[in-house]
All heavy atoms as atom14 arrays in JSON, in Angstrom:
{
  "sequence": "PDRLDVEVSDEGPGIEDIGLAMKEGYSTAPPEAREMGFGAGMGLPNIK",
  "atom14_mask": [
    [1, 1, 1, 1, 1, 1, 1, 0, 0, 0, 0, 0, 0, 0],
    [1, 1, 1, 1, 1, 1, 1, 1, 0, 0, 0, 0, 0, 0],
    [1, 1, 1, 1, 1, 1, 1, 1, 1, 1, 1, 0, 0, 0],
    [1, 1, 1, 1, 1, 1, 1, 1, 0, 0, 0, 0, 0, 0],
    [1, 1, 1, 1, 1, 1, 1, 1, 0, 0, 0, 0, 0, 0],
    [1, 1, 1, 1, 1, 1, 1, 0, 0, 0, 0, 0, 0, 0],
    [1, 1, 1, 1, 1, 1, 1, 1, 1, 0, 0, 0, 0, 0],
    [1, 1, 1, 1, 1, 1, 1, 0, 0, 0, 0, 0, 0, 0],
    [1, 1, 1, 1, 1, 1, 0, 0, 0, 0, 0, 0, 0, 0],
    [1, 1, 1, 1, 1, 1, 1, 1, 0, 0, 0, 0, 0, 0],
    [1, 1, 1, 1, 1, 1, 1, 1, 1, 0, 0, 0, 0, 0],
    [1, 1, 1, 1, 0, 0, 0, 0, 0, 0, 0, 0, 0, 0],
    [1, 1, 1, 1, 1, 1, 1, 0, 0, 0, 0, 0, 0, 0],
    [1, 1, 1, 1, 0, 0, 0, 0, 0, 0, 0, 0, 0, 0],
    [1, 1, 1, 1, 1, 1, 1, 1, 0, 0, 0, 0, 0, 0],
    [1, 1, 1, 1, 1, 1, 1, 1, 1, 0, 0, 0, 0, 0],
    [1, 1, 1, 1, 1, 1, 1, 1, 0, 0, 0, 0, 0, 0],
    [1, 1, 1, 1, 1, 1, 1, 1, 0, 0, 0, 0, 0, 0],
    [1, 1, 1, 1, 0, 0, 0, 0, 0, 0, 0, 0, 0, 0],
    [1, 1, 1, 1, 1, 1, 1, 1, 0, 0, 0, 0, 0, 0],
    [1, 1, 1, 1, 1, 0, 0, 0, 0, 0, 0, 0, 0, 0],
    [1, 1, 1, 1, 1, 1, 1, 1, 0, 0, 0, 0, 0, 0],
    [1, 1, 1, 1, 1, 1, 1, 1, 1, 0, 0, 0, 0, 0],
    [1, 1, 1, 1, 1, 1, 1, 1, 1, 0, 0, 0, 0, 0],
    [1, 1, 1, 1, 0, 0, 0, 0, 0, 0, 0, 0, 0, 0],
    [1, 1, 1, 1, 1, 1, 1, 1, 1, 1, 1, 1, 0, 0],
    [1, 1, 1, 1, 1, 1, 0, 0, 0, 0, 0, 0, 0, 0],
    [1, 1, 1, 1, 1, 1, 1, 0, 0, 0, 0, 0, 0, 0],
    [1, 1, 1, 1, 1, 0, 0, 0, 0, 0, 0, 0, 0, 0],
    [1, 1, 1, 1, 1, 1, 1, 0, 0, 0, 0, 0, 0, 0],
    [1, 1, 1, 1, 1, 1, 1, 0, 0, 0, 0, 0, 0, 0],
    [1, 1, 1, 1, 1, 1, 1, 1, 1, 0, 0, 0, 0, 0],
    [1, 1, 1, 1, 1, 0, 0, 0, 0, 0, 0, 0, 0, 0],
    [1, 1, 1, 1, 1, 1, 1, 1, 1, 1, 1, 0, 0, 0],
    [1, 1, 1, 1, 1, 1, 1, 1, 1, 0, 0, 0, 0, 0],
    [1, 1, 1, 1, 1, 1, 1, 1, 0, 0, 0, 0, 0, 0],
    [1, 1, 1, 1, 0, 0, 0, 0, 0, 0, 0, 0, 0, 0],
    [1, 1, 1, 1, 1, 1, 1, 1, 1, 1, 1, 0, 0, 0],
    [1, 1, 1, 1, 0, 0, 0, 0, 0, 0, 0, 0, 0, 0],
    [1, 1, 1, 1, 1, 0, 0, 0, 0, 0, 0, 0, 0, 0],
    [1, 1, 1, 1, 0, 0, 0, 0, 0, 0, 0, 0, 0, 0],
    [1, 1, 1, 1, 1, 1, 1, 1, 0, 0, 0, 0, 0, 0],
    [1, 1, 1, 1, 0, 0, 0, 0, 0, 0, 0, 0, 0, 0],
    [1, 1, 1, 1, 1, 1, 1, 1, 0, 0, 0, 0, 0, 0],
    [1, 1, 1, 1, 1, 1, 1, 0, 0, 0, 0, 0, 0, 0],
    [1, 1, 1, 1, 1, 1, 1, 1, 0, 0, 0, 0, 0, 0],
    [1, 1, 1, 1, 1, 1, 1, 1, 0, 0, 0, 0, 0, 0],
    [1, 1, 1, 1, 1, 1, 1, 1, 1, 0, 0, 0, 0, 0]
  ],
  "atom14_positions": [
    [[50.9, 83.53, 214.62], [51.37, 84.47, 215.66], [51.38, 85.92, 215.27], [51.22, 86.79, 216.1], [52.87, 84.01, 215.9], [52.81, 82.55, 215.55], [51.8, 82.44, 214.34], [0.0, 0.0, 0.0], [0.0, 0.0, 0.0], [0.0, 0.0, 0.0], [0.0, 0.0, 0.0], [0.0, 0.0, 0.0], [0.0, 0.0, 0.0], [0.0, 0.0, 0.0]],
    [[51.5, 86.23, 213.94], [51.59, 87.69, 213.47], [50.37, 88.16, 212.8], [50.26, 89.38, 212.57], [52.9, 87.93, 212.69], [52.89, 87.08, 211.4], [52.22, 86.05, 211.43], [53.61, 87.38, 210.47], [0.0, 0.0, 0.0], [0.0, 0.0, 0.0], [0.0, 0.0, 0.0], [0.0, 0.0, 0.0], [0.0, 0.0, 0.0], [0.0, 0.0, 0.0]],
    [[49.51, 87.26, 212.38], [48.41, 87.74, 211.48], [47.34, 86.67, 211.47], [47.44, 85.5, 211.77], [48.85, 87.98, 210.09], [49.17, 86.77, 209.31], [49.59, 87.21, 207.78], [49.71, 86.1, 206.99], [50.86, 85.37, 206.77], [51.97, 85.67, 207.47], [50.82, 84.31, 205.93], [0.0, 0.0, 0.0], [0.0, 0.0, 0.0], [0.0, 0.0, 0.0]],
    [[46.14, 87.17, 210.99], [44.92, 86.3, 210.88], [44.74, 86.33, 209.28], [44.79, 87.3, 208.63], [43.68, 87.0, 211.45], [42.39, 86.44, 210.86], [42.11, 85.17, 211.45], [41.21, 87.46, 211.29], [0.0, 0.0, 0.0], [0.0, 0.0, 0.0], [0.0, 0.0, 0.0], [0.0, 0.0, 0.0], [0.0, 0.0, 0.0], [0.0, 0.0, 0.0]],
    [[44.6, 85.12, 208.73], [44.25, 84.95, 207.26], [42.88, 84.29, 207.13], [42.62, 83.32, 207.77], [45.34, 84.09, 206.58], [46.68, 84.66, 206.52], [46.8, 85.87, 206.39], [47.68, 83.93, 206.62], [0.0, 0.0, 0.0], [0.0, 0.0, 0.0], [0.0, 0.0, 0.0], [0.0, 0.0, 0.0], [0.0, 0.0, 0.0], [0.0, 0.0, 0.0]],
    [[42.05, 84.98, 206.29], [40.75, 84.37, 206.03], [40.38, 84.26, 204.62], [40.82, 85.22, 203.78], [39.73, 85.35, 206.65], [38.2, 84.86, 206.34], [39.79, 85.51, 208.21], [0.0, 0.0, 0.0], [0.0, 0.0, 0.0], [0.0, 0.0, 0.0], [0.0, 0.0, 0.0], [0.0, 0.0, 0.0], [0.0, 0.0, 0.0], [0.0, 0.0, 0.0]],
    [[39.87, 83.13, 204.15], [39.55, 82.99, 202.8], [38.09, 82.47, 202.7], [37.62, 81.61, 203.39], [40.43, 81.9, 202.1], [39.97, 81.59, 200.62], [40.93, 80.67, 199.93], [42.11, 80.76, 200.16], [40.34, 79.88, 199.21], [0.0, 0.0, 0.0], [0.0, 0.0, 0.0], [0.0, 0.0, 0.0], [0.0, 0.0, 0.0], [0.0, 0.0, 0.0]],
    [[37.28, 83.25, 201.97], [35.8, 82.95, 201.74], [35.58, 82.75, 200.25], [35.78, 83.69, 199.47], [34.96, 84.08, 202.2], [33.54, 83.75, 202.08], [35.29, 84.47, 203.77], [0.0, 0.0, 0.0], [0.0, 0.0, 0.0], [0.0, 0.0, 0.0], [0.0, 0.0, 0.0], [0.0, 0.0, 0.0], [0.0, 0.0, 0.0], [0.0, 0.0, 0.0]],
    [[35.12, 81.48, 199.97], [34.84, 81.13, 198.57], [33.39, 80.75, 198.45], [32.83, 80.24, 199.48], [35.72, 80.06, 198.11], [35.6, 78.9, 198.9], [0.0, 0.0, 0.0], [0.0, 0.0, 0.0], [0.0, 0.0, 0.0], [0.0, 0.0, 0.0], [0.0, 0.0, 0.0], [0.0, 0.0, 0.0], [0.0, 0.0, 0.0], [0.0, 0.0, 0.0]],
    [[32.73, 81.12, 197.42], [31.28, 80.73, 197.27], [31.0, 80.24, 195.89], [31.73, 80.38, 194.97], [30.44, 82.01, 197.68], [30.56, 83.13, 196.7], [30.38, 82.88, 195.43], [30.73, 84.21, 197.13], [0.0, 0.0, 0.0], [0.0, 0.0, 0.0], [0.0, 0.0, 0.0], [0.0, 0.0, 0.0], [0.0, 0.0, 0.0], [0.0, 0.0, 0.0]],
    [[29.84, 79.68, 195.81], [29.1, 79.28, 194.54], [28.02, 80.2, 194.3], [26.95, 80.15, 195.06], [28.72, 77.8, 194.62], [29.85, 76.84, 194.8], [29.4, 75.43, 195.01], [28.16, 75.11, 194.61], [30.03, 74.54, 195.47], [0.0, 0.0, 0.0], [0.0, 0.0, 0.0], [0.0, 0.0, 0.0], [0.0, 0.0, 0.0], [0.0, 0.0, 0.0]],
    [[28.1, 81.07, 193.37], [27.02, 82.0, 193.13], [27.15, 82.72, 191.79], [27.89, 82.26, 190.9], [0.0, 0.0, 0.0], [0.0, 0.0, 0.0], [0.0, 0.0, 0.0], [0.0, 0.0, 0.0], [0.0, 0.0, 0.0], [0.0, 0.0, 0.0], [0.0, 0.0, 0.0], [0.0, 0.0, 0.0], [0.0, 0.0, 0.0], [0.0, 0.0, 0.0]],
    [[26.48, 83.89, 191.68], [26.45, 84.54, 190.43], [27.84, 85.21, 189.97], [28.01, 85.68, 188.88], [25.41, 85.62, 190.5], [25.4, 85.89, 191.98], [25.68, 84.56, 192.68], [0.0, 0.0, 0.0], [0.0, 0.0, 0.0], [0.0, 0.0, 0.0], [0.0, 0.0, 0.0], [0.0, 0.0, 0.0], [0.0, 0.0, 0.0], [0.0, 0.0, 0.0]],
    [[28.73, 85.35, 190.94], [29.96, 86.15, 190.75], [29.72, 87.54, 190.68], [28.57, 88.07, 190.86], [0.0, 0.0, 0.0], [0.0, 0.0, 0.0], [0.0, 0.0, 0.0], [0.0, 0.0, 0.0], [0.0, 0.0, 0.0], [0.0, 0.0, 0.0], [0.0, 0.0, 0.0], [0.0, 0.0, 0.0], [0.0, 0.0, 0.0], [0.0, 0.0, 0.0]],
    [[30.81, 88.28, 190.37], [30.7, 89.75, 190.21], [31.09, 90.21, 188.9], [32.21, 89.87, 188.27], [31.65, 90.34, 191.29], [31.42, 89.94, 192.65], [31.55, 91.94, 191.23], [32.3, 90.41, 193.81], [0.0, 0.0, 0.0], [0.0, 0.0, 0.0], [0.0, 0.0, 0.0], [0.0, 0.0, 0.0], [0.0, 0.0, 0.0], [0.0, 0.0, 0.0]],
    [[30.23, 90.89, 188.17], [30.44, 91.34, 186.74], [31.48, 92.46, 186.81], [32.36, 92.42, 185.85], [29.09, 91.87, 186.21], [28.14, 90.88, 186.04], [28.32, 89.94, 184.76], [29.18, 90.31, 183.96], [27.69, 88.91, 184.64], [0.0, 0.0, 0.0], [0.0, 0.0, 0.0], [0.0, 0.0, 0.0], [0.0, 0.0, 0.0], [0.0, 0.0, 0.0]],
    [[31.43, 93.38, 187.62], [32.3, 94.64, 187.62], [32.85, 94.84, 189.01], [32.23, 95.29, 189.86], [31.58, 95.82, 187.14], [32.55, 97.02, 186.96], [33.64, 97.03, 187.54], [32.25, 97.88, 186.14], [0.0, 0.0, 0.0], [0.0, 0.0, 0.0], [0.0, 0.0, 0.0], [0.0, 0.0, 0.0], [0.0, 0.0, 0.0], [0.0, 0.0, 0.0]],
    [[34.12, 94.33, 189.31], [34.7, 94.36, 190.7], [34.86, 95.82, 191.07], [34.59, 96.19, 192.23], [35.97, 93.56, 190.77], [35.72, 92.04, 190.75], [36.69, 93.95, 192.08], [36.87, 91.15, 190.82], [0.0, 0.0, 0.0], [0.0, 0.0, 0.0], [0.0, 0.0, 0.0], [0.0, 0.0, 0.0], [0.0, 0.0, 0.0], [0.0, 0.0, 0.0]],
    [[35.34, 96.7, 190.08], [35.53, 98.04, 190.4], [34.24, 98.77, 190.87], [34.28, 99.49, 191.88], [0.0, 0.0, 0.0], [0.0, 0.0, 0.0], [0.0, 0.0, 0.0], [0.0, 0.0, 0.0], [0.0, 0.0, 0.0], [0.0, 0.0, 0.0], [0.0, 0.0, 0.0], [0.0, 0.0, 0.0], [0.0, 0.0, 0.0], [0.0, 0.0, 0.0]],
    [[33.18, 98.41, 190.22], [31.91, 98.98, 190.67], [31.35, 98.44, 191.99], [30.86, 99.2, 192.85], [30.9, 98.72, 189.54], [29.42, 99.46, 189.73], [29.55, 100.93, 189.68], [28.49, 99.0, 188.61], [0.0, 0.0, 0.0], [0.0, 0.0, 0.0], [0.0, 0.0, 0.0], [0.0, 0.0, 0.0], [0.0, 0.0, 0.0], [0.0, 0.0, 0.0]],
    [[31.62, 97.26, 192.26], [31.23, 96.56, 193.39], [31.92, 97.09, 194.62], [31.42, 97.02, 195.77], [31.39, 94.94, 193.32], [0.0, 0.0, 0.0], [0.0, 0.0, 0.0], [0.0, 0.0, 0.0], [0.0, 0.0, 0.0], [0.0, 0.0, 0.0], [0.0, 0.0, 0.0], [0.0, 0.0, 0.0], [0.0, 0.0, 0.0], [0.0, 0.0, 0.0]],
    [[33.18, 97.62, 194.38], [33.97, 98.14, 195.6], [33.52, 99.59, 195.87], [33.98, 100.18, 196.84], [35.45, 98.11, 195.17], [36.08, 96.75, 195.1], [35.98, 95.78, 196.57], [36.8, 96.87, 197.76], [0.0, 0.0, 0.0], [0.0, 0.0, 0.0], [0.0, 0.0, 0.0], [0.0, 0.0, 0.0], [0.0, 0.0, 0.0], [0.0, 0.0, 0.0]],
    [[32.66, 100.14, 195.17], [32.21, 101.57, 195.46], [31.16, 101.59, 196.57], [30.28, 100.61, 196.64], [31.5, 102.22, 194.34], [32.56, 102.56, 193.2], [31.93, 103.38, 192.06], [33.03, 103.73, 191.08], [32.32, 104.53, 189.85], [0.0, 0.0, 0.0], [0.0, 0.0, 0.0], [0.0, 0.0, 0.0], [0.0, 0.0, 0.0], [0.0, 0.0, 0.0]],
    [[31.34, 102.33, 197.61], [30.47, 102.46, 198.75], [29.09, 102.79, 198.25], [28.83, 103.8, 197.49], [30.96, 103.52, 199.8], [32.28, 103.14, 200.36], [32.69, 104.13, 201.56], [31.91, 105.1, 201.77], [33.79, 103.91, 202.03], [0.0, 0.0, 0.0], [0.0, 0.0, 0.0], [0.0, 0.0, 0.0], [0.0, 0.0, 0.0], [0.0, 0.0, 0.0]],
    [[28.12, 102.05, 198.76], [26.65, 102.32, 198.38], [26.14, 101.48, 197.16], [24.95, 101.38, 197.04], [0.0, 0.0, 0.0], [0.0, 0.0, 0.0], [0.0, 0.0, 0.0], [0.0, 0.0, 0.0], [0.0, 0.0, 0.0], [0.0, 0.0, 0.0], [0.0, 0.0, 0.0], [0.0, 0.0, 0.0], [0.0, 0.0, 0.0], [0.0, 0.0, 0.0]],
    [[27.1, 100.91, 196.39], [26.6, 100.11, 195.24], [26.16, 98.67, 195.79], [26.92, 98.01, 196.48], [27.66, 99.96, 194.26], [27.3, 99.11, 193.03], [26.53, 99.57, 192.01], [27.73, 97.76, 193.07], [26.16, 98.7, 190.97], [27.33, 96.91, 192.06], [26.62, 97.38, 191.0], [26.2, 96.59, 189.98], [0.0, 0.0, 0.0], [0.0, 0.0, 0.0]],
    [[25.02, 98.27, 195.34], [24.54, 96.99, 195.8], [23.62, 96.3, 194.84], [22.91, 96.99, 194.1], [23.71, 97.2, 197.18], [23.1, 96.03, 197.55], [0.0, 0.0, 0.0], [0.0, 0.0, 0.0], [0.0, 0.0, 0.0], [0.0, 0.0, 0.0], [0.0, 0.0, 0.0], [0.0, 0.0, 0.0], [0.0, 0.0, 0.0], [0.0, 0.0, 0.0]],
    [[23.82, 94.96, 194.75], [22.91, 94.17, 193.93], [22.11, 93.17, 194.84], [21.68, 92.15, 194.36], [23.74, 93.33, 192.96], [24.61, 92.62, 193.62], [24.52, 94.22, 192.04], [0.0, 0.0, 0.0], [0.0, 0.0, 0.0], [0.0, 0.0, 0.0], [0.0, 0.0, 0.0], [0.0, 0.0, 0.0], [0.0, 0.0, 0.0], [0.0, 0.0, 0.0]],
    [[21.89, 93.59, 196.1], [21.13, 92.71, 197.01], [19.78, 92.59, 196.66], [19.08, 93.48, 196.11], [21.29, 93.26, 198.4], [0.0, 0.0, 0.0], [0.0, 0.0, 0.0], [0.0, 0.0, 0.0], [0.0, 0.0, 0.0], [0.0, 0.0, 0.0], [0.0, 0.0, 0.0], [0.0, 0.0, 0.0], [0.0, 0.0, 0.0], [0.0, 0.0, 0.0]],
    [[19.18, 91.35, 196.76], [17.72, 91.17, 196.42], [16.82, 91.88, 197.43], [17.2, 92.26, 198.59], [17.55, 89.61, 196.53], [18.59, 89.26, 197.48], [19.7, 90.15, 197.29], [0.0, 0.0, 0.0], [0.0, 0.0, 0.0], [0.0, 0.0, 0.0], [0.0, 0.0, 0.0], [0.0, 0.0, 0.0], [0.0, 0.0, 0.0], [0.0, 0.0, 0.0]],
    [[15.57, 92.08, 197.0], [14.6, 92.89, 197.96], [14.56, 92.26, 199.39], [14.48, 92.96, 200.36], [13.29, 92.75, 197.2], [13.72, 92.62, 195.82], [14.98, 91.69, 195.81], [0.0, 0.0, 0.0], [0.0, 0.0, 0.0], [0.0, 0.0, 0.0], [0.0, 0.0, 0.0], [0.0, 0.0, 0.0], [0.0, 0.0, 0.0], [0.0, 0.0, 0.0]],
    [[14.43, 90.85, 199.42], [14.32, 90.34, 200.82], [15.46, 90.72, 201.72], [15.28, 90.83, 202.89], [14.22, 88.86, 200.69], [15.26, 88.11, 200.13], [15.15, 87.78, 198.6], [14.45, 88.56, 197.99], [15.72, 86.84, 198.19], [0.0, 0.0, 0.0], [0.0, 0.0, 0.0], [0.0, 0.0, 0.0], [0.0, 0.0, 0.0], [0.0, 0.0, 0.0]],
    [[16.69, 90.81, 201.2], [17.82, 91.18, 201.96], [17.75, 92.66, 202.47], [17.97, 92.96, 203.6], [19.09, 90.94, 201.21], [0.0, 0.0, 0.0], [0.0, 0.0, 0.0], [0.0, 0.0, 0.0], [0.0, 0.0, 0.0], [0.0, 0.0, 0.0], [0.0, 0.0, 0.0], [0.0, 0.0, 0.0], [0.0, 0.0, 0.0], [0.0, 0.0, 0.0]],
    [[17.32, 93.44, 201.56], [17.11, 94.9, 201.8], [15.97, 95.11, 203.01], [16.12, 95.95, 203.82], [16.78, 95.71, 200.59], [17.96, 95.79, 199.69], [17.56, 96.46, 198.39], [18.58, 96.57, 197.44], [19.52, 97.52, 197.4], [19.53, 98.5, 198.35], [20.46, 97.51, 196.45], [0.0, 0.0, 0.0], [0.0, 0.0, 0.0], [0.0, 0.0, 0.0]],
    [[14.88, 94.33, 202.85], [13.92, 94.51, 203.87], [14.33, 94.04, 205.25], [13.77, 94.57, 206.18], [12.66, 93.5, 203.44], [11.95, 93.94, 202.2], [10.96, 92.99, 201.73], [10.76, 91.93, 202.51], [10.31, 93.17, 200.62], [0.0, 0.0, 0.0], [0.0, 0.0, 0.0], [0.0, 0.0, 0.0], [0.0, 0.0, 0.0], [0.0, 0.0, 0.0]],
    [[15.41, 93.29, 205.26], [15.84, 92.79, 206.62], [17.06, 93.66, 207.06], [17.66, 93.29, 208.05], [16.27, 91.33, 206.52], [15.2, 90.39, 206.16], [15.73, 88.63, 206.23], [16.11, 88.26, 207.91], [0.0, 0.0, 0.0], [0.0, 0.0, 0.0], [0.0, 0.0, 0.0], [0.0, 0.0, 0.0], [0.0, 0.0, 0.0], [0.0, 0.0, 0.0]],
    [[17.35, 94.66, 206.34], [18.36, 95.61, 206.76], [19.86, 95.35, 206.1], [20.74, 95.99, 206.49], [0.0, 0.0, 0.0], [0.0, 0.0, 0.0], [0.0, 0.0, 0.0], [0.0, 0.0, 0.0], [0.0, 0.0, 0.0], [0.0, 0.0, 0.0], [0.0, 0.0, 0.0], [0.0, 0.0, 0.0], [0.0, 0.0, 0.0], [0.0, 0.0, 0.0]],
    [[19.89, 94.31, 205.27], [21.14, 93.93, 204.69], [21.3, 94.66, 203.3], [20.21, 95.15, 202.74], [21.36, 92.42, 204.49], [21.35, 91.73, 205.82], [20.22, 91.06, 206.28], [22.45, 91.75, 206.69], [20.21, 90.43, 207.44], [22.38, 91.08, 207.89], [21.37, 90.38, 208.36], [0.0, 0.0, 0.0], [0.0, 0.0, 0.0], [0.0, 0.0, 0.0]],
    [[22.4, 94.51, 202.66], [22.61, 94.94, 201.28], [22.62, 96.52, 201.1], [22.16, 97.04, 200.15], [0.0, 0.0, 0.0], [0.0, 0.0, 0.0], [0.0, 0.0, 0.0], [0.0, 0.0, 0.0], [0.0, 0.0, 0.0], [0.0, 0.0, 0.0], [0.0, 0.0, 0.0], [0.0, 0.0, 0.0], [0.0, 0.0, 0.0], [0.0, 0.0, 0.0]],
    [[23.4, 97.2, 202.04], [23.43, 98.72, 201.98], [24.7, 98.94, 200.99], [24.97, 100.28, 200.82], [23.73, 99.18, 203.3], [0.0, 0.0, 0.0], [0.0, 0.0, 0.0], [0.0, 0.0, 0.0], [0.0, 0.0, 0.0], [0.0, 0.0, 0.0], [0.0, 0.0, 0.0], [0.0, 0.0, 0.0], [0.0, 0.0, 0.0], [0.0, 0.0, 0.0]],
    [[25.37, 98.02, 200.52], [26.43, 98.39, 199.58], [27.76, 98.75, 200.28], [28.6, 99.36, 199.68], [0.0, 0.0, 0.0], [0.0, 0.0, 0.0], [0.0, 0.0, 0.0], [0.0, 0.0, 0.0], [0.0, 0.0, 0.0], [0.0, 0.0, 0.0], [0.0, 0.0, 0.0], [0.0, 0.0, 0.0], [0.0, 0.0, 0.0], [0.0, 0.0, 0.0]],
    [[27.88, 98.36, 201.52], [29.13, 98.71, 202.27], [29.91, 97.5, 202.65], [31.04, 97.54, 203.26], [28.75, 99.48, 203.55], [28.1, 100.77, 203.36], [29.25, 101.9, 202.49], [30.38, 102.11, 203.68], [0.0, 0.0, 0.0], [0.0, 0.0, 0.0], [0.0, 0.0, 0.0], [0.0, 0.0, 0.0], [0.0, 0.0, 0.0], [0.0, 0.0, 0.0]],
    [[29.54, 96.26, 202.25], [30.17, 95.08, 202.65], [31.7, 95.0, 202.2], [32.56, 94.92, 203.04], [0.0, 0.0, 0.0], [0.0, 0.0, 0.0], [0.0, 0.0, 0.0], [0.0, 0.0, 0.0], [0.0, 0.0, 0.0], [0.0, 0.0, 0.0], [0.0, 0.0, 0.0], [0.0, 0.0, 0.0], [0.0, 0.0, 0.0], [0.0, 0.0, 0.0]],
    [[31.89, 95.03, 200.84], [33.35, 94.91, 200.45], [34.14, 96.15, 200.87], [35.28, 95.91, 201.18], [33.33, 94.77, 198.83], [32.77, 93.38, 198.42], [32.66, 93.46, 196.83], [33.61, 92.26, 198.83], [0.0, 0.0, 0.0], [0.0, 0.0, 0.0], [0.0, 0.0, 0.0], [0.0, 0.0, 0.0], [0.0, 0.0, 0.0], [0.0, 0.0, 0.0]],
    [[33.69, 97.3, 200.7], [34.46, 98.46, 201.2], [34.89, 98.35, 202.69], [35.91, 98.67, 203.03], [33.67, 99.71, 201.06], [32.7, 99.32, 199.82], [32.49, 97.81, 200.07], [0.0, 0.0, 0.0], [0.0, 0.0, 0.0], [0.0, 0.0, 0.0], [0.0, 0.0, 0.0], [0.0, 0.0, 0.0], [0.0, 0.0, 0.0], [0.0, 0.0, 0.0]],
    [[33.88, 97.88, 203.57], [34.26, 97.7, 204.96], [35.34, 96.57, 205.21], [36.14, 96.65, 206.07], [33.02, 97.28, 205.71], [32.09, 98.44, 206.18], [32.6, 99.52, 206.14], [30.91, 98.13, 206.6], [0.0, 0.0, 0.0], [0.0, 0.0, 0.0], [0.0, 0.0, 0.0], [0.0, 0.0, 0.0], [0.0, 0.0, 0.0], [0.0, 0.0, 0.0]],
    [[35.3, 95.51, 204.35], [36.33, 94.42, 204.51], [37.61, 95.08, 204.13], [38.61, 94.85, 204.84], [35.89, 93.19, 203.58], [34.66, 92.63, 203.99], [37.08, 92.18, 203.63], [34.21, 91.55, 202.98], [0.0, 0.0, 0.0], [0.0, 0.0, 0.0], [0.0, 0.0, 0.0], [0.0, 0.0, 0.0], [0.0, 0.0, 0.0], [0.0, 0.0, 0.0]],
    [[37.74, 95.71, 203.02], [38.99, 96.35, 202.63], [39.52, 97.33, 203.68], [40.66, 97.38, 203.89], [38.8, 97.08, 201.24], [40.13, 97.5, 200.69], [39.96, 98.07, 199.3], [41.42, 98.51, 198.8], [41.19, 99.02, 197.41], [0.0, 0.0, 0.0], [0.0, 0.0, 0.0], [0.0, 0.0, 0.0], [0.0, 0.0, 0.0], [0.0, 0.0, 0.0]]
  ]
}
């Protein structure tokens, strides 16, 4: 009634440096993702 809670868990490479990953524009997306317009490095900052 008062809030939405979302949890997303994955099996993957993980994040080496969370502080760096939270910086706007920083991205480790593969080339195929960038070619499709993804991986601009704004995902985690936008969520926060």
